[in-house]
Amino acid sequence: LSRLMGLYCFVGAGVFLLAGILLHFQI
């Protein structure tokens, strides 16, 4: 369960980091 939760958190971090970068470029 902790491996699953860790993966979920890392995916979430990657998704929102990418969204922030794209938003910086007005996407």
PDB file of all heavy atoms in Angstrom:
ATOM      1  N   LEU A   1       0.828  -1.203   0.000  1.00  0.00           N
ATOM      2  CA  LEU A   1       0.000   0.000   0.000  1.00  0.00           C
ATOM      3  C   LEU A   1       0.863   1.254   0.000  1.00  0.00           C
ATOM      4  O   LEU A   1       0.550   2.236  -0.688  1.00  0.00           O
ATOM      5  CB  LEU A   1      -0.919  -0.002   1.217  1.00  0.00           C
ATOM      6  CG  LEU A   1      -1.895   1.168   1.341  1.00  0.00           C
ATOM      7  CD1 LEU A   1      -2.813   1.239   0.129  1.00  0.00           C
ATOM      8  CD2 LEU A   1      -2.716   1.058   2.628  1.00  0.00           C
ATOM      9  N   SER A   2       1.956   1.241   0.751  1.00  0.00           N
ATOM     10  CA  SER A   2       2.821   2.417   0.798  1.00  0.00           C
ATOM     11  C   SER A   2       3.523   2.645  -0.543  1.00  0.00           C
ATOM     12  O   SER A   2       3.743   3.790  -0.947  1.00  0.00           O
ATOM     13  CB  SER A   2       3.864   2.269   1.916  1.00  0.00           C
ATOM     14  OG  SER A   2       4.758   1.214   1.639  1.00  0.00           O
ATOM     15  N   ARG A   3       3.872   1.558  -1.245  1.00  0.00           N
ATOM     16  CA  ARG A   3       4.457   1.712  -2.585  1.00  0.00           C
ATOM     17  C   ARG A   3       3.454   2.358  -3.531  1.00  0.00           C
ATOM     18  O   ARG A   3       3.808   3.238  -4.325  1.00  0.00           O
ATOM     19  CB  ARG A   3       4.895   0.351  -3.131  1.00  0.00           C
ATOM     20  CG  ARG A   3       6.160  -0.219  -2.496  1.00  0.00           C
ATOM     21  CD  ARG A   3       6.726  -1.355  -3.325  1.00  0.00           C
ATOM     22  NE  ARG A   3       5.785  -2.467  -3.427  1.00  0.00           N
ATOM     23  CZ  ARG A   3       5.730  -3.472  -2.586  1.00  0.00           C
ATOM     24  NH1 ARG A   3       6.557  -3.522  -1.546  1.00  0.00           N
ATOM     25  NH2 ARG A   3       4.857  -4.453  -2.759  1.00  0.00           N
ATOM     26  N   LEU A   4       2.204   1.904  -3.442  1.00  0.00           N
ATOM     27  CA  LEU A   4       1.147   2.466  -4.284  1.00  0.00           C
ATOM     28  C   LEU A   4       0.926   3.937  -3.969  1.00  0.00           C
ATOM     29  O   LEU A   4       0.834   4.782  -4.879  1.00  0.00           O
ATOM     30  CB  LEU A   4      -0.143   1.682  -4.083  1.00  0.00           C
ATOM     31  CG  LEU A   4      -1.367   2.190  -4.866  1.00  0.00           C
ATOM     32  CD1 LEU A   4      -1.145   2.011  -6.366  1.00  0.00           C
ATOM     33  CD2 LEU A   4      -2.627   1.454  -4.410  1.00  0.00           C
ATOM     34  N   MET A   5       0.837   4.276  -2.679  1.00  0.00           N
ATOM     35  CA  MET A   5       0.620   5.663  -2.283  1.00  0.00           C
ATOM     36  C   MET A   5       1.786   6.548  -2.675  1.00  0.00           C
ATOM     37  O   MET A   5       1.607   7.699  -3.112  1.00  0.00           O
ATOM     38  CB  MET A   5       0.403   5.743  -0.763  1.00  0.00           C
ATOM     39  CG  MET A   5      -0.921   5.184  -0.282  1.00  0.00           C
ATOM     40  SD  MET A   5      -2.355   6.043  -0.961  1.00  0.00           S
ATOM     41  CE  MET A   5      -2.050   7.711  -0.400  1.00  0.00           C
ATOM     42  N   GLY A   6       2.997   6.022  -2.539  1.00  0.00           N
ATOM     43  CA  GLY A   6       4.170   6.788  -2.957  1.00  0.00           C
ATOM     44  C   GLY A   6       4.152   7.075  -4.446  1.00  0.00           C
ATOM     45  O   GLY A   6       4.416   8.201  -4.884  1.00  0.00           O
ATOM     46  N   LEU A   7       3.820   6.040  -5.238  1.00  0.00           N
ATOM     47  CA  LEU A   7       3.734   6.226  -6.687  1.00  0.00           C
ATOM     48  C   LEU A   7       2.676   7.254  -7.049  1.00  0.00           C
ATOM     49  O   LEU A   7       2.889   8.116  -7.911  1.00  0.00           O
ATOM     50  CB  LEU A   7       3.418   4.883  -7.351  1.00  0.00           C
ATOM     51  CG  LEU A   7       3.222   4.906  -8.877  1.00  0.00           C
ATOM     52  CD1 LEU A   7       4.486   5.390  -9.563  1.00  0.00           C
ATOM     53  CD2 LEU A   7       2.804   3.531  -9.380  1.00  0.00           C
ATOM     54  N   TYR A   8       1.531   7.186  -6.368  1.00  0.00           N
ATOM     55  CA  TYR A   8       0.448   8.147  -6.606  1.00  0.00           C
ATOM     56  C   TYR A   8       0.907   9.578  -6.334  1.00  0.00           C
ATOM     57  O   TYR A   8       0.636  10.497  -7.119  1.00  0.00           O
ATOM     58  CB  TYR A   8      -0.731   7.792  -5.709  1.00  0.00           C
ATOM     59  CG  TYR A   8      -1.835   8.820  -5.666  1.00  0.00           C
ATOM     60  CD1 TYR A   8      -2.731   8.957  -6.714  1.00  0.00           C
ATOM     61  CD2 TYR A   8      -1.993   9.646  -4.547  1.00  0.00           C
ATOM     62  CE1 TYR A   8      -3.751   9.894  -6.666  1.00  0.00           C
ATOM     63  CE2 TYR A   8      -3.011  10.577  -4.488  1.00  0.00           C
ATOM     64  CZ  TYR A   8      -3.886  10.699  -5.546  1.00  0.00           C
ATOM     65  OH  TYR A   8      -4.891  11.630  -5.498  1.00  0.00           O
ATOM     66  N   CYS A   9       1.626   9.761  -5.232  1.00  0.00           N
ATOM     67  CA  CYS A   9       2.121  11.099  -4.880  1.00  0.00           C
ATOM     68  C   CYS A   9       3.151  11.595  -5.897  1.00  0.00           C
ATOM     69  O   CYS A   9       3.143  12.771  -6.285  1.00  0.00           O
ATOM     70  CB  CYS A   9       2.730  11.082  -3.480  1.00  0.00           C
ATOM     71  SG  CYS A   9       1.521  10.893  -2.147  1.00  0.00           S
ATOM     72  N   PHE A  10       4.029  10.708  -6.359  1.00  0.00           N
ATOM     73  CA  PHE A  10       5.049  11.114  -7.327  1.00  0.00           C
ATOM     74  C   PHE A  10       4.418  11.454  -8.679  1.00  0.00           C
ATOM     75  O   PHE A  10       4.845  12.395  -9.351  1.00  0.00           O
ATOM     76  CB  PHE A  10       6.086  10.005  -7.491  1.00  0.00           C
ATOM     77  CG  PHE A  10       6.885   9.733  -6.236  1.00  0.00           C
ATOM     78  CD1 PHE A  10       7.279   8.447  -5.903  1.00  0.00           C
ATOM     79  CD2 PHE A  10       7.217  10.768  -5.372  1.00  0.00           C
ATOM     80  CE1 PHE A  10       8.001   8.191  -4.746  1.00  0.00           C
ATOM     81  CE2 PHE A  10       7.937  10.532  -4.202  1.00  0.00           C
ATOM     82  CZ  PHE A  10       8.330   9.241  -3.894  1.00  0.00           C
ATOM     83  N   VAL A  11       3.397  10.686  -9.064  1.00  0.00           N
ATOM     84  CA  VAL A  11       2.679  11.001 -10.305  1.00  0.00           C
ATOM     85  C   VAL A  11       1.991  12.357 -10.181  1.00  0.00           C
ATOM     86  O   VAL A  11       2.042  13.188 -11.096  1.00  0.00           O
ATOM     87  CB  VAL A  11       1.650   9.899 -10.629  1.00  0.00           C
ATOM     88  CG1 VAL A  11       0.714  10.350 -11.755  1.00  0.00           C
ATOM     89  CG2 VAL A  11       2.354   8.610 -11.037  1.00  0.00           C
ATOM     90  N   GLY A  12       1.357  12.582  -9.021  1.00  0.00           N
ATOM     91  CA  GLY A  12       0.707  13.874  -8.795  1.00  0.00           C
ATOM     92  C   GLY A  12       1.692  15.019  -8.860  1.00  0.00           C
ATOM     93  O   GLY A  12       1.410  16.071  -9.447  1.00  0.00           O
ATOM     94  N   ALA A  13       2.867  14.834  -8.254  1.00  0.00           N
ATOM     95  CA  ALA A  13       3.904  15.868  -8.285  1.00  0.00           C
ATOM     96  C   ALA A  13       4.329  16.163  -9.712  1.00  0.00           C
ATOM     97  O   ALA A  13       4.460  17.331 -10.113  1.00  0.00           O
ATOM     98  CB  ALA A  13       5.108  15.427  -7.452  1.00  0.00           C
ATOM     99  N   GLY A  14       4.513  15.105 -10.504  1.00  0.00           N
ATOM    100  CA  GLY A  14       4.934  15.295 -11.890  1.00  0.00           C
ATOM    101  C   GLY A  14       3.877  15.997 -12.723  1.00  0.00           C
ATOM    102  O   GLY A  14       4.191  16.886 -13.531  1.00  0.00           O
ATOM    103  N   VAL A  15       2.614  15.613 -12.526  1.00  0.00           N
ATOM    104  CA  VAL A  15       1.514  16.199 -13.296  1.00  0.00           C
ATOM    105  C   VAL A  15       1.388  17.690 -13.017  1.00  0.00           C
ATOM    106  O   VAL A  15       1.297  18.517 -13.942  1.00  0.00           O
ATOM    107  CB  VAL A  15       0.187  15.472 -12.981  1.00  0.00           C
ATOM    108  CG1 VAL A  15      -1.009  16.280 -13.506  1.00  0.00           C
ATOM    109  CG2 VAL A  15       0.185  14.079 -13.596  1.00  0.00           C
ATOM    110  N   PHE A  16       1.405  18.069 -11.740  1.00  0.00           N
ATOM    111  CA  PHE A  16       1.213  19.475 -11.396  1.00  0.00           C
ATOM    112  C   PHE A  16       2.462  20.309 -11.688  1.00  0.00           C
ATOM    113  O   PHE A  16       2.353  21.501 -11.991  1.00  0.00           O
ATOM    114  CB  PHE A  16       0.786  19.612  -9.939  1.00  0.00           C
ATOM    115  CG  PHE A  16      -0.640  19.213  -9.708  1.00  0.00           C
ATOM    116  CD1 PHE A  16      -0.959  17.986  -9.131  1.00  0.00           C
ATOM    117  CD2 PHE A  16      -1.676  20.041 -10.100  1.00  0.00           C
ATOM    118  CE1 PHE A  16      -2.270  17.608  -8.936  1.00  0.00           C
ATOM    119  CE2 PHE A  16      -3.001  19.676  -9.917  1.00  0.00           C
ATOM    120  CZ  PHE A  16      -3.304  18.450  -9.336  1.00  0.00           C
ATOM    121  N   LEU A  17       3.637  19.706 -11.613  1.00  0.00           N
ATOM    122  CA  LEU A  17       4.851  20.416 -12.006  1.00  0.00           C
ATOM    123  C   LEU A  17       4.823  20.731 -13.494  1.00  0.00           C
ATOM    124  O   LEU A  17       5.115  21.867 -13.915  1.00  0.00           O
ATOM    125  CB  LEU A  17       6.087  19.570 -11.680  1.00  0.00           C
ATOM    126  CG  LEU A  17       7.436  20.144 -12.146  1.00  0.00           C
ATOM    127  CD1 LEU A  17       7.710  21.484 -11.491  1.00  0.00           C
ATOM    128  CD2 LEU A  17       8.557  19.154 -11.865  1.00  0.00           C
ATOM    129  N   LEU A  18       4.457  19.742 -14.300  1.00  0.00           N
ATOM    130  CA  LEU A  18       4.362  19.954 -15.744  1.00  0.00           C
ATOM    131  C   LEU A  18       3.304  20.996 -16.074  1.00  0.00           C
ATOM    132  O   LEU A  18       3.512  21.860 -16.942  1.00  0.00           O
ATOM    133  CB  LEU A  18       4.050  18.637 -16.439  1.00  0.00           C
ATOM    134  CG  LEU A  18       3.922  18.682 -17.971  1.00  0.00           C
ATOM    135  CD1 LEU A  18       5.216  19.184 -18.602  1.00  0.00           C
ATOM    136  CD2 LEU A  18       3.553  17.308 -18.518  1.00  0.00           C
ATOM    137  N   ALA A  19       2.160  20.937 -15.369  1.00  0.00           N
ATOM    138  CA  ALA A  19       1.097  21.915 -15.605  1.00  0.00           C
ATOM    139  C   ALA A  19       1.572  23.325 -15.279  1.00  0.00           C
ATOM    140  O   ALA A  19       1.272  24.289 -15.996  1.00  0.00           O
ATOM    141  CB  ALA A  19      -0.133  21.572 -14.769  1.00  0.00           C
ATOM    142  N   GLY A  20       2.340  23.465 -14.183  1.00  0.00           N
ATOM    143  CA  GLY A  20       2.869  24.775 -13.815  1.00  0.00           C
ATOM    144  C   GLY A  20       3.825  25.320 -14.859  1.00  0.00           C
ATOM    145  O   GLY A  20       3.800  26.516 -15.193  1.00  0.00           O
ATOM    146  N   ILE A  21       4.662  24.456 -15.402  1.00  0.00           N
ATOM    147  CA  ILE A  21       5.616  24.879 -16.438  1.00  0.00           C
ATOM    148  C   ILE A  21       4.880  25.306 -17.696  1.00  0.00           C
ATOM    149  O   ILE A  21       5.183  26.355 -18.297  1.00  0.00           O
ATOM    150  CB  ILE A  21       6.604  23.739 -16.752  1.00  0.00           C
ATOM    151  CG1 ILE A  21       7.496  23.462 -15.535  1.00  0.00           C
ATOM    152  CG2 ILE A  21       7.463  24.083 -17.969  1.00  0.00           C
ATOM    153  CD1 ILE A  21       8.369  22.240 -15.673  1.00  0.00           C
ATOM    154  N   LEU A  22       3.881  24.509 -18.102  1.00  0.00           N
ATOM    155  CA  LEU A  22       3.113  24.845 -19.306  1.00  0.00           C
ATOM    156  C   LEU A  22       2.327  26.141 -19.117  1.00  0.00           C
ATOM    157  O   LEU A  22       2.222  26.957 -20.036  1.00  0.00           O
ATOM    158  CB  LEU A  22       2.152  23.703 -19.652  1.00  0.00           C
ATOM    159  CG  LEU A  22       2.813  22.396 -20.114  1.00  0.00           C
ATOM    160  CD1 LEU A  22       1.760  21.316 -20.333  1.00  0.00           C
ATOM    161  CD2 LEU A  22       3.604  22.612 -21.393  1.00  0.00           C
ATOM    162  N   LEU A  23       1.792  26.331 -17.907  1.00  0.00           N
ATOM    163  CA  LEU A  23       1.046  27.557 -17.636  1.00  0.00           C
ATOM    164  C   LEU A  23       1.960  28.772 -17.699  1.00  0.00           C
ATOM    165  O   LEU A  23       1.539  29.863 -18.105  1.00  0.00           O
ATOM    166  CB  LEU A  23       0.380  27.462 -16.263  1.00  0.00           C
ATOM    167  CG  LEU A  23      -0.639  28.551 -15.921  1.00  0.00           C
ATOM    168  CD1 LEU A  23      -1.793  28.532 -16.913  1.00  0.00           C
ATOM    169  CD2 LEU A  23      -1.164  28.367 -14.512  1.00  0.00           C
ATOM    170  N   HIS A  24       3.216  28.600 -17.301  1.00  0.00           N
ATOM    171  CA  HIS A  24       4.187  29.690 -17.387  1.00  0.00           C
ATOM    172  C   HIS A  24       4.350  30.159 -18.829  1.00  0.00           C
ATOM    173  O   HIS A  24       4.588  31.346 -19.084  1.00  0.00           O
ATOM    174  CB  HIS A  24       5.528  29.232 -16.826  1.00  0.00           C
ATOM    175  CG  HIS A  24       6.624  30.255 -16.957  1.00  0.00           C
ATOM    176  ND1 HIS A  24       6.658  31.414 -16.212  1.00  0.00           N
ATOM    177  CD2 HIS A  24       7.717  30.307 -17.787  1.00  0.00           C
ATOM    178  CE1 HIS A  24       7.711  32.133 -16.545  1.00  0.00           C
ATOM    179  NE2 HIS A  24       8.366  31.484 -17.495  1.00  0.00           N
ATOM    180  N   PHE A  25       4.210  29.231 -19.755  1.00  0.00           N
ATOM    181  CA  PHE A  25       4.317  29.558 -21.178  1.00  0.00           C
ATOM    182  C   PHE A  25       2.945  29.825 -21.798  1.00  0.00           C
ATOM    183  O   PHE A  25       2.767  29.728 -23.002  1.00  0.00           O
ATOM    184  CB  PHE A  25       5.029  28.428 -21.926  1.00  0.00           C
ATOM    185  CG  PHE A  25       6.480  28.295 -21.561  1.00  0.00           C
ATOM    186  CD1 PHE A  25       6.907  27.303 -20.692  1.00  0.00           C
ATOM    187  CD2 PHE A  25       7.419  29.187 -22.063  1.00  0.00           C
ATOM    188  CE1 PHE A  25       8.247  27.185 -20.343  1.00  0.00           C
ATOM    189  CE2 PHE A  25       8.759  29.082 -21.724  1.00  0.00           C
ATOM    190  CZ  PHE A  25       9.179  28.077 -20.857  1.00  0.00           C
ATOM    191  N   GLN A  26       1.974  30.145 -20.918  1.00  0.00           N
ATOM    192  CA  GLN A  26       0.634  30.586 -21.310  1.00  0.00           C
ATOM    193  C   GLN A  26      -0.152  29.510 -22.037  1.00  0.00           C
ATOM    194  O   GLN A  26      -1.013  29.800 -22.868  1.00  0.00           O
ATOM    195  CB  GLN A  26       0.718  31.863 -22.156  1.00  0.00           C
ATOM    196  CG  GLN A  26       1.381  33.018 -21.427  1.00  0.00           C
ATOM    197  CD  GLN A  26       1.513  34.256 -22.270  1.00  0.00           C
ATOM    198  OE1 GLN A  26       0.935  34.337 -23.347  1.00  0.00           O
ATOM    199  NE2 GLN A  26       2.264  35.222 -21.789  1.00  0.00           N
ATOM    200  N   ILE A  27       0.126  28.257 -21.735  1.00  0.00           N
ATOM    201  CA  ILE A  27      -0.668  27.146 -22.272  1.00  0.00           C
ATOM    202  C   ILE A  27      -1.761  26.879 -21.241  1.00  0.00           C
ATOM    203  O   ILE A  27      -1.601  26.070 -20.323  1.00  0.00           O
ATOM    204  CB  ILE A  27       0.216  25.909 -22.517  1.00  0.00           C
ATOM    205  CG1 ILE A  27       1.373  26.266 -23.455  1.00  0.00           C
ATOM    206  CG2 ILE A  27      -0.611  24.759 -23.095  1.00  0.00           C
ATOM    207  CD1 ILE A  27       2.347  25.131 -23.698  1.00  0.00           C
TER     208      ILE A  27
END
